[in-house]
C-alpha cells in the first residue's frame, strides 16, 4: 500500500509517499518539506495570510518532488491523504482542495486526516509500539495528555486551558529578542545558562487532573525580562525552559495514574518533542513507571506529510479502504476525541 500524504496546516508545506512495509526503515519513500521560516521570521511568528499564499506557491512542486523521489507516478498511489484540521484555515484549504482534486482526477480515495492524529501515530511509523500507551503531545498549537487505546480510541486525560507549550516558548523567545522559531532558539541559549537561577510559578500544581496552563509562566517571564540585563538572558532562558518541563512532568505523573488500562509505553510527540531536555525527563518518567519510552526522530517531530500518510495507513488497516466525502469540510478546531 502506498499513500500520498499532504500537510499544510501551518507554515510548512509538505508532501510524502509512505508505504506499509513490515520493514520500518523502508516505509518512508519520500518526505518533502518546504519551510517558510525565512518568510515569517521577520514578524516573529506565522502570518496566516502569507502562509496560505506560500502553500499555494509550493504545494505542486512538493508533490512532484515526493513522487519523483519515491520513483512512482500517481497511478501507483492507492489513496491521497491530507490534513483537514486543526490548523490555519487558509493552509488547510490549499492542502485539502489539492488532495481532493488529485483524488478525483486519478480516481483514488481521498482520506481526511486529523493533524493531531498524525502526530500521535508518528512514533508507530518509526517503532513497533503496542496499544495502549500514554501520549504527551506538545507542539506550537496544541498540548494534550491522552490514553491511546487503539486507532480512533483516544481518551483525553488533560490539555492546556490556554497557551500551548510551543506557543509559550515562541512568545518568550520573541520577548528575549531571539529569532523565530523560538523553541529551538531558547533551547540553544539555555545550554549556556543556569536553570536554577530564576524561579517561576508552577501552574495548576494543586488542581486535580492533568490539565495544564502556560500563560501564567509567559506573564511571569515578561515581568522578569523587563528587568533583565543582556548577560542574564541565558540563565533566564534555561530557567524558563526548565519551568515548562517541570510543569509538563508534574502533570504527566498524574496522567499515568489516570490511565484506565495498564499502558505499555509513554510516547512524546509534536514539535516540542524535539527538545532534548524534555525527552530526557519524559524518558526518566517512563523508566520510573517501568514502561518503555518512544519519541519520533527529531526530523519527524515538526509538521510533515509522512505522518499524515501513515495515519491514513493505520486507518485503512483498521477500517479497510474508504474515502472521506469530497464535501468534507476543513476544521480549524478539531480535537482527537471527535475524529469520526
Protein backbone atom coordinates (compact mmCIF):
# COMPACT_ATOMS: atom_id res chain seq x y z
CA UNK A 1 0.00 0.00 0.00
CA UNK A 2 1.35 3.43 -0.98
CA UNK A 3 -0.23 6.65 0.26
CA UNK A 4 0.45 10.21 -0.89
CA UNK A 5 0.23 12.50 2.13
CA UNK A 6 -0.19 16.29 2.09
CA UNK A 7 0.36 18.57 5.10
CA UNK A 8 -0.28 22.34 5.08
CA UNK A 9 -1.85 23.17 8.45
CA UNK A 10 0.60 25.89 9.50
CA UNK A 11 3.80 27.17 7.88
CA UNK A 12 5.36 24.02 6.39
CA UNK A 13 4.21 22.73 3.01
CA UNK A 14 4.89 19.01 2.81
CA UNK A 15 4.18 16.02 0.58
CA UNK A 16 5.27 12.44 1.21
CA UNK A 17 4.87 8.92 -0.08
CA UNK A 18 4.67 6.27 2.63
CA UNK A 19 4.07 2.53 2.34
CA UNK A 20 3.07 -0.12 4.89
CA UNK A 21 6.20 -2.22 4.64
CA UNK A 22 6.89 -4.55 7.56
CA UNK A 23 10.46 -3.22 7.44
CA UNK A 24 10.32 0.09 9.32
CA UNK A 25 13.29 1.64 7.52
CA UNK A 26 11.57 1.15 4.15
CA UNK A 27 8.26 2.82 4.97
CA UNK A 28 9.06 6.44 4.11
CA UNK A 29 9.70 6.54 0.36
CA UNK A 30 9.86 10.33 0.34
CA UNK A 31 9.08 13.23 2.66
CA UNK A 32 9.49 16.67 1.09
CA UNK A 33 9.15 19.76 3.30
CA UNK A 34 9.15 23.37 2.11
CA UNK A 35 9.77 25.58 5.14
CA UNK A 36 8.51 29.16 5.43
CA UNK A 37 10.80 30.13 8.33
CA UNK A 38 12.64 32.76 6.29
CA UNK A 39 9.30 34.35 5.34
CA UNK A 40 7.87 34.58 8.87
CA UNK A 41 10.97 35.17 10.99
CA UNK A 42 10.95 38.94 10.45
CA UNK A 43 7.48 39.01 12.06
CA UNK A 44 8.49 36.75 14.96
CA UNK A 45 5.70 34.28 14.18
CA UNK A 46 3.44 32.89 11.48
CA UNK A 47 1.36 35.36 9.43
CA UNK A 48 -1.65 33.27 8.30
CA UNK A 49 -2.26 35.14 5.02
CA UNK A 50 1.39 34.81 3.95
CA UNK A 51 1.42 31.16 5.00
CA UNK A 52 -1.62 30.30 2.84
CA UNK A 53 -0.23 32.17 -0.14
CA UNK A 54 3.10 30.35 0.05
CA UNK A 55 1.40 26.97 0.41
CA UNK A 56 -0.19 27.72 -2.98
CA UNK A 57 3.21 28.52 -4.47
CA UNK A 58 4.92 25.41 -3.04
CA UNK A 59 2.44 22.55 -2.98
CA UNK A 60 2.65 21.38 -6.60
CA UNK A 61 6.44 21.31 -6.51
CA UNK A 62 6.42 19.38 -3.21
CA UNK A 63 4.05 16.76 -4.60
CA UNK A 64 6.09 16.32 -7.79
CA UNK A 65 9.32 16.02 -5.80
CA UNK A 66 7.72 13.47 -3.45
CA UNK A 67 6.54 11.30 -6.35
CA UNK A 68 9.86 11.59 -8.17
CA UNK A 69 11.93 10.74 -5.10
CA UNK A 70 9.70 7.71 -4.45
CA UNK A 71 10.21 6.79 -8.12
CA UNK A 72 6.48 6.33 -8.75
CA UNK A 73 3.66 8.15 -10.51
CA UNK A 74 0.20 9.00 -9.30
CA UNK A 75 -1.26 5.78 -10.77
CA UNK A 76 0.86 3.77 -8.33
CA UNK A 77 -0.69 5.58 -5.35
CA UNK A 78 -3.51 3.79 -3.50
CA UNK A 79 -5.01 6.86 -1.79
CA UNK A 80 -4.40 10.55 -1.17
CA UNK A 81 -4.46 11.77 2.44
CA UNK A 82 -4.45 15.39 3.55
CA UNK A 83 -4.58 17.28 6.83
CA UNK A 84 -8.14 18.60 7.16
CA UNK A 85 -7.72 20.18 10.60
CA UNK A 86 -6.92 21.54 13.07
CA UNK A 87 -4.81 24.43 11.84
CA UNK A 88 -4.90 27.70 9.93
CA UNK A 89 -7.90 27.69 7.61
CA UNK A 90 -6.07 29.12 4.58
CA UNK A 91 -3.36 26.49 4.61
CA UNK A 92 -5.82 23.69 5.31
CA UNK A 93 -7.89 24.71 2.29
CA UNK A 94 -4.86 24.68 0.00
CA UNK A 95 -3.91 21.15 1.06
CA UNK A 96 -7.36 19.60 1.10
CA UNK A 97 -8.53 21.14 -2.19
CA UNK A 98 -5.32 19.93 -3.86
CA UNK A 99 -5.75 16.43 -2.43
CA UNK A 100 -9.42 16.24 -3.44
CA UNK A 101 -8.59 17.41 -6.97
CA UNK A 102 -5.88 14.76 -7.39
CA UNK A 103 -8.20 12.10 -5.96
CA UNK A 104 -10.97 12.96 -8.41
CA UNK A 105 -8.67 13.20 -11.43
CA UNK A 106 -6.82 9.96 -10.61
CA UNK A 107 -9.92 8.13 -9.34
CA UNK A 108 -8.32 7.45 -5.96
CA UNK A 109 -9.77 7.58 -2.43
CA UNK A 110 -9.40 10.86 -0.55
CA UNK A 111 -8.79 10.48 3.20
CA UNK A 112 -9.18 13.45 5.54
CA UNK A 113 -6.69 13.23 8.42
CA UNK A 114 -6.68 14.97 11.76
CA UNK A 115 -3.32 16.72 12.21
CA UNK A 116 -3.08 15.67 15.87
CA UNK A 117 -3.73 12.04 14.96
CA UNK A 118 -0.81 12.31 12.55
CA UNK A 119 1.46 13.44 15.38
CA UNK A 120 0.25 10.81 17.85
CA UNK A 121 0.82 7.92 15.41
CA UNK A 122 4.24 9.08 14.16
CA UNK A 123 6.05 7.03 16.78
CA UNK A 124 4.35 3.90 15.40
CA UNK A 125 5.65 4.79 11.94
CA UNK A 126 9.20 4.55 13.30
CA UNK A 127 8.82 1.88 16.02
CA UNK A 128 6.83 -1.21 16.87
CA UNK A 129 4.60 0.15 19.62
CA UNK A 130 1.65 -1.74 21.07
CA UNK A 131 -1.55 -0.16 22.35
CA UNK A 132 -2.36 1.18 24.86
CA UNK A 133 0.14 3.95 25.51
CA UNK A 134 0.18 7.36 27.15
CA UNK A 135 0.65 10.22 24.70
CA UNK A 136 2.19 13.57 25.55
CA UNK A 137 1.59 15.78 22.52
CA UNK A 138 3.41 19.10 22.74
CA UNK A 139 3.50 21.38 19.72
CA UNK A 140 3.28 25.00 18.69
CA UNK A 141 -0.50 24.98 18.71
CA UNK A 142 -1.54 22.10 20.96
CA UNK A 143 -0.83 20.37 24.24
CA UNK A 144 -2.61 17.13 25.18
CA UNK A 145 -2.27 14.16 27.51
CA UNK A 146 -4.19 11.21 26.08
CA UNK A 147 -4.51 7.49 26.64
CA UNK A 148 -4.24 5.87 23.20
CA UNK A 149 -6.25 2.66 23.38
CA UNK A 150 -6.41 1.86 19.65
CA UNK A 151 -6.89 3.63 16.34
CA UNK A 152 -9.67 6.20 16.82
CA UNK A 153 -9.96 5.36 20.53
CA UNK A 154 -8.32 8.34 22.17
CA UNK A 155 -9.12 9.14 25.78
CA UNK A 156 -8.10 12.74 26.54
CA UNK A 157 -6.85 12.95 30.12
CA UNK A 158 -5.89 16.62 30.14
CA UNK A 159 -4.86 19.50 27.93
CA UNK A 160 -3.83 23.12 28.07
CA UNK A 161 -6.51 25.54 29.20
CA UNK A 162 -4.78 28.45 27.45
CA UNK A 163 -1.50 28.55 25.51
CA UNK A 164 0.37 25.53 24.21
CA UNK A 165 3.91 24.83 25.40
CA UNK A 166 5.29 25.61 21.95
CA UNK A 167 3.40 28.88 21.67
CA UNK A 168 4.66 29.92 25.10
CA UNK A 169 8.27 29.15 24.17
CA UNK A 170 7.93 31.08 20.89
CA UNK A 171 6.48 34.17 22.58
CA UNK A 172 9.03 34.27 25.38
CA UNK A 173 11.81 33.82 22.83
CA UNK A 174 10.46 36.86 20.99
CA UNK A 175 10.49 38.85 24.26
CA UNK A 176 14.14 37.87 24.68
CA UNK A 177 14.93 39.09 21.17
CA UNK A 178 15.66 35.57 19.91
CA UNK A 179 14.94 34.51 16.32
CA UNK A 180 11.89 32.56 15.14
CA UNK A 181 11.17 29.71 15.71
CA UNK A 182 11.58 30.39 19.39
CA UNK A 183 11.63 26.91 20.90
CA UNK A 184 14.93 25.81 19.33
CA UNK A 185 16.41 29.27 20.00
CA UNK A 186 15.59 29.04 23.71
CA UNK A 187 16.97 25.50 23.86
CA UNK A 188 20.24 26.62 22.28
CA UNK A 189 20.64 29.64 24.56
CA UNK A 190 19.75 27.51 27.60
CA UNK A 191 22.87 25.44 27.09
CA UNK A 192 24.86 28.45 28.32
CA UNK A 193 22.63 29.22 31.30
CA UNK A 194 21.85 28.21 34.87
CA UNK A 195 18.38 26.65 35.03
CA UNK A 196 18.18 27.15 38.81
CA UNK A 197 18.81 30.88 38.87
CA UNK A 198 15.27 32.20 38.32
CA UNK A 199 12.16 30.74 39.94
CA UNK A 200 8.81 30.51 38.13
CA UNK A 201 5.34 29.63 39.46
CA UNK A 202 4.12 26.06 39.00
CA UNK A 203 0.73 26.39 37.25
CA UNK A 204 -2.25 24.34 38.49
CA UNK A 205 0.06 22.46 40.85
CA UNK A 206 -2.64 21.51 43.34
CA UNK A 207 -5.56 21.20 40.94
CA UNK A 208 -6.85 17.66 40.43
CA UNK A 209 -6.50 16.11 37.00
CA UNK A 210 -3.78 16.87 34.48
CA UNK A 211 -4.93 19.99 32.67
CA UNK A 212 -2.03 22.40 32.24
CA UNK A 213 -1.66 26.17 31.92
CA UNK A 214 1.28 28.01 30.42
CA UNK A 215 0.03 31.59 30.12
CA UNK A 216 0.99 32.41 33.72
CA UNK A 217 4.56 31.29 33.02
CA UNK A 218 4.60 33.56 29.99
CA UNK A 219 3.42 36.52 32.08
CA UNK A 220 6.00 35.82 34.77
CA UNK A 221 8.68 35.66 32.09
CA UNK A 222 7.59 39.01 30.64
CA UNK A 223 7.79 40.73 34.03
CA UNK A 224 11.23 39.26 34.63
CA UNK A 225 12.57 40.11 31.17
CA UNK A 226 11.69 43.77 31.70
CA UNK A 227 14.33 43.87 34.45
CA UNK A 228 16.97 41.71 32.79
CA UNK A 229 20.39 42.72 31.56
CA UNK A 230 21.86 41.13 28.44
CA UNK A 231 24.18 38.92 30.49
CA UNK A 232 21.18 37.37 32.28
CA UNK A 233 19.40 36.10 29.15
CA UNK A 234 20.99 32.64 29.09
CA UNK A 235 20.03 31.99 32.73
CA UNK A 236 16.54 33.29 32.02
CA UNK A 237 16.14 31.00 29.00
CA UNK A 238 17.42 27.97 30.92
CA UNK A 239 15.20 28.68 33.92
CA UNK A 240 12.13 29.23 31.76
CA UNK A 241 12.71 26.07 29.73
CA UNK A 242 13.06 24.09 32.96
CA UNK A 243 9.82 25.61 34.31
CA UNK A 244 7.94 24.42 31.21
CA UNK A 245 9.42 20.94 31.55
CA UNK A 246 8.63 20.71 35.27
CA UNK A 247 5.03 21.75 34.59
CA UNK A 248 4.71 19.02 31.95
CA UNK A 249 6.29 16.27 34.06
CA UNK A 250 4.26 17.21 37.14
CA UNK A 251 1.00 16.67 35.25
CA UNK A 252 2.34 13.71 33.25
CA UNK A 253 2.76 11.82 36.53
CA UNK A 254 -0.94 12.37 37.21
CA UNK A 255 -1.80 11.32 33.66
CA UNK A 256 -0.07 7.98 34.20
CA UNK A 257 -2.27 7.38 37.25
CA UNK A 258 -5.42 8.35 35.33
CA UNK A 259 -5.00 5.75 32.58
CA UNK A 260 -7.83 3.20 32.65
CA UNK A 261 -5.61 0.43 31.26
CA UNK A 262 -2.06 -0.64 32.02
CA UNK A 263 -0.05 1.30 29.45
CA UNK A 264 2.90 -0.30 27.66
CA UNK A 265 4.79 2.89 26.95
CA UNK A 266 4.89 6.68 27.07
CA UNK A 267 5.09 8.47 23.72
CA UNK A 268 6.24 12.06 23.34
CA UNK A 269 5.19 13.71 20.06
CA UNK A 270 4.83 17.12 18.38
CA UNK A 271 7.30 19.86 17.58
CA UNK A 272 8.31 20.46 21.21
CA UNK A 273 9.25 16.76 21.42
CA UNK A 274 12.45 17.75 19.63
CA UNK A 275 13.63 19.41 22.86
CA UNK A 276 16.40 17.17 24.20
CA UNK A 277 15.93 18.03 27.88
CA UNK A 278 12.20 17.34 27.68
CA UNK A 279 12.94 13.98 26.06
CA UNK A 280 15.31 13.07 28.88
CA UNK A 281 12.76 13.96 31.55
CA UNK A 282 9.91 12.03 29.89
CA UNK A 283 12.26 9.07 29.37
CA UNK A 284 13.03 9.16 33.10
CA UNK A 285 9.28 9.22 33.85
CA UNK A 286 8.80 6.12 31.70
CA UNK A 287 11.70 4.38 33.44
CA UNK A 288 10.26 5.22 36.86
CA UNK A 289 6.95 3.66 35.82
CA UNK A 290 8.63 0.59 34.28
CA UNK A 291 7.32 1.24 30.77
CA UNK A 292 9.06 2.00 27.51
CA UNK A 293 9.70 5.47 26.12
CA UNK A 294 9.31 6.44 22.48
CA UNK A 295 9.60 9.66 20.53
CA UNK A 296 9.86 10.19 16.77
CA UNK A 297 13.22 11.14 15.27
CA UNK A 298 13.86 14.88 15.52
CA UNK A 299 13.21 15.23 11.78
CA UNK A 300 9.67 13.88 12.19
CA UNK A 301 8.68 15.87 15.30
CA UNK A 302 7.71 19.00 13.37
CA UNK A 303 4.87 19.09 10.83
CA UNK A 304 5.41 16.74 7.89
CA UNK A 305 3.36 14.79 5.37
CA UNK A 306 4.83 11.38 6.22
CA UNK A 307 2.87 11.36 9.48
CA UNK A 308 -0.33 12.21 7.58
CA UNK A 309 0.19 9.40 5.08
CA UNK A 310 0.97 6.98 7.91
CA UNK A 311 -2.19 7.94 9.81
CA UNK A 312 -4.15 7.07 6.66
CA UNK A 313 -2.40 3.68 6.50
CA UNK A 314 -3.27 2.98 10.14
CA UNK A 315 -6.90 3.85 9.44
CA UNK A 316 -7.05 1.65 6.35
CA UNK A 317 -5.60 -1.26 8.33
CA UNK A 318 -8.30 -0.69 10.95
CA UNK A 319 -11.34 0.01 8.75
CA UNK A 320 -10.37 -1.16 5.25
CA UNK A 321 -10.21 1.10 2.24
CA UNK A 322 -12.62 4.01 2.47
CA UNK A 323 -12.96 7.52 1.11
CA UNK A 324 -13.88 10.64 3.05
CA UNK A 325 -16.68 12.66 1.46
CA UNK A 326 -15.38 15.00 -1.21
CA UNK A 327 -17.55 17.59 0.56
CA UNK A 328 -15.57 17.04 3.81
CA UNK A 329 -15.03 20.47 5.34
CA UNK A 330 -11.77 21.72 6.78
CA UNK A 331 -11.91 22.18 10.53
CA UNK A 332 -9.59 24.77 12.14
CA UNK A 333 -10.62 23.30 15.52
CA UNK A 334 -10.78 19.51 15.64
CA UNK A 335 -9.80 17.51 18.71
CA UNK A 336 -8.78 13.86 18.66
CA UNK A 337 -11.69 12.65 20.77
CA UNK A 338 -14.13 13.54 17.97
CA UNK A 339 -12.50 12.46 14.71
CA UNK A 340 -15.22 10.41 13.03
